[in-house]
């Protein structure tokens, strides 16, 4: 489980593998010069939790970021990953299933 002080915010987390696939496409194929892409995961989900025991500077930055999350600033599900790579982005469930051993 990922703990964030984001109350009931919806967040469309993106898998780093999807970011890497997009980067590989835009860096090796024509048509991307001067373009910027907003990326997201394939779904926005909510989970509430509270982070504890982290350094104050990091905690302040995390609180600011999570205020943005709380306002559903990351709830938008965008088509760029699939449009650029031709593959649907991995769901958070797929990411968790593939990396479950890292969280035990």
Protein backbone atom coordinates (compact mmCIF):
# COMPACT_ATOMS: atom_id res chain seq x y z
CA UNK A 1 0.00 0.00 0.00
CA UNK A 2 1.17 3.51 -0.74
CA UNK A 3 0.53 5.92 2.10
CA UNK A 4 -0.18 9.54 1.21
CA UNK A 5 -1.86 12.35 3.13
CA UNK A 6 -4.30 12.82 0.25
CA UNK A 7 -7.55 12.06 2.09
CA UNK A 8 -10.05 10.73 -0.47
CA UNK A 9 -8.34 12.18 -3.56
CA UNK A 10 -8.47 10.35 -6.87
CA UNK A 11 -5.04 9.87 -8.44
CA UNK A 12 -4.25 8.44 -11.89
CA UNK A 13 -0.82 7.00 -11.01
CA UNK A 14 1.39 6.13 -13.97
CA UNK A 15 3.80 3.21 -14.08
CA UNK A 16 7.43 4.18 -14.70
CA UNK A 17 7.49 1.52 -17.44
CA UNK A 18 4.81 3.50 -19.30
CA UNK A 19 6.84 6.69 -18.92
CA UNK A 20 9.91 4.87 -20.27
CA UNK A 21 7.96 3.53 -23.28
CA UNK A 22 6.71 7.03 -24.10
CA UNK A 23 10.23 8.45 -23.72
CA UNK A 24 11.67 5.78 -26.03
CA UNK A 25 9.09 6.57 -28.71
CA UNK A 26 9.43 10.34 -28.58
CA UNK A 27 13.22 10.19 -28.56
CA UNK A 28 13.54 7.76 -31.45
CA UNK A 29 10.65 8.59 -33.79
CA UNK A 30 9.81 11.60 -35.91
CA UNK A 31 7.03 14.05 -35.10
CA UNK A 32 7.66 14.85 -31.46
CA UNK A 33 10.01 17.86 -31.67
CA UNK A 34 8.59 20.82 -29.74
CA UNK A 35 5.73 18.78 -28.31
CA UNK A 36 4.90 18.16 -24.66
CA UNK A 37 2.73 15.33 -23.42
CA UNK A 38 0.71 15.08 -20.22
CA UNK A 39 0.79 11.45 -19.10
CA UNK A 40 -1.35 9.47 -16.68
CA UNK A 41 -2.16 5.94 -15.71
CA UNK A 42 -5.29 4.30 -17.12
CA UNK A 43 -7.49 4.87 -14.09
CA UNK A 44 -7.94 7.25 -11.18
CA UNK A 45 -8.47 5.57 -7.83
CA UNK A 46 -8.67 6.73 -4.25
CA UNK A 47 -7.09 5.50 -1.06
CA UNK A 48 -6.70 7.47 2.16
CA UNK A 49 -3.70 7.22 4.48
CA UNK A 50 -1.29 9.32 6.57
CA UNK A 51 2.48 9.42 6.16
CA UNK A 52 4.51 9.50 9.37
CA UNK A 53 8.15 9.81 10.37
CA UNK A 54 9.58 11.64 7.36
CA UNK A 55 11.90 14.72 7.39
CA UNK A 56 10.08 18.06 7.75
CA UNK A 57 11.27 19.50 4.42
CA UNK A 58 10.09 16.41 2.55
CA UNK A 59 6.86 16.33 4.54
CA UNK A 60 6.08 19.95 3.60
CA UNK A 61 6.66 19.21 -0.09
CA UNK A 62 4.58 16.04 0.16
CA UNK A 63 1.72 17.92 1.82
CA UNK A 64 1.73 20.51 -0.99
CA UNK A 65 1.76 17.78 -3.62
CA UNK A 66 -1.02 15.92 -1.88
CA UNK A 67 -3.17 19.05 -1.61
CA UNK A 68 -3.01 19.01 -5.41
CA UNK A 69 -3.98 15.32 -5.36
CA UNK A 70 -6.78 16.02 -2.87
CA UNK A 71 -8.26 18.51 -5.32
CA UNK A 72 -8.25 15.68 -7.89
CA UNK A 73 -5.41 17.39 -9.76
CA UNK A 74 -4.18 13.97 -10.92
CA UNK A 75 -7.57 12.35 -11.60
CA UNK A 76 -7.52 13.01 -15.32
CA UNK A 77 -7.00 9.84 -17.35
CA UNK A 78 -5.18 10.82 -20.54
CA UNK A 79 -4.70 8.96 -23.86
CA UNK A 80 -1.06 9.92 -24.60
CA UNK A 81 0.64 6.66 -23.47
CA UNK A 82 -1.50 4.50 -25.76
CA UNK A 83 -1.51 7.05 -28.58
CA UNK A 84 2.31 7.24 -28.62
CA UNK A 85 3.24 3.62 -27.86
CA UNK A 86 0.28 1.76 -29.34
CA UNK A 87 -0.16 -0.07 -26.02
CA UNK A 88 -2.56 0.63 -23.17
CA UNK A 89 -0.81 1.82 -20.00
CA UNK A 90 -0.52 -0.70 -17.19
CA UNK A 91 -3.08 -0.44 -14.41
CA UNK A 92 -2.00 0.13 -10.84
CA UNK A 93 -3.23 -3.41 -10.12
CA UNK A 94 -0.88 -4.80 -12.79
CA UNK A 95 2.03 -2.76 -11.37
CA UNK A 96 1.28 -4.08 -7.86
CA UNK A 97 0.96 -7.68 -9.02
CA UNK A 98 4.28 -7.48 -10.89
CA UNK A 99 6.09 -5.83 -7.97
CA UNK A 100 4.40 -7.35 -4.91
CA UNK A 101 7.67 -8.80 -3.60
CA UNK A 102 9.14 -5.28 -3.35
CA UNK A 103 6.45 -4.29 -0.84
CA UNK A 104 6.74 -7.21 1.58
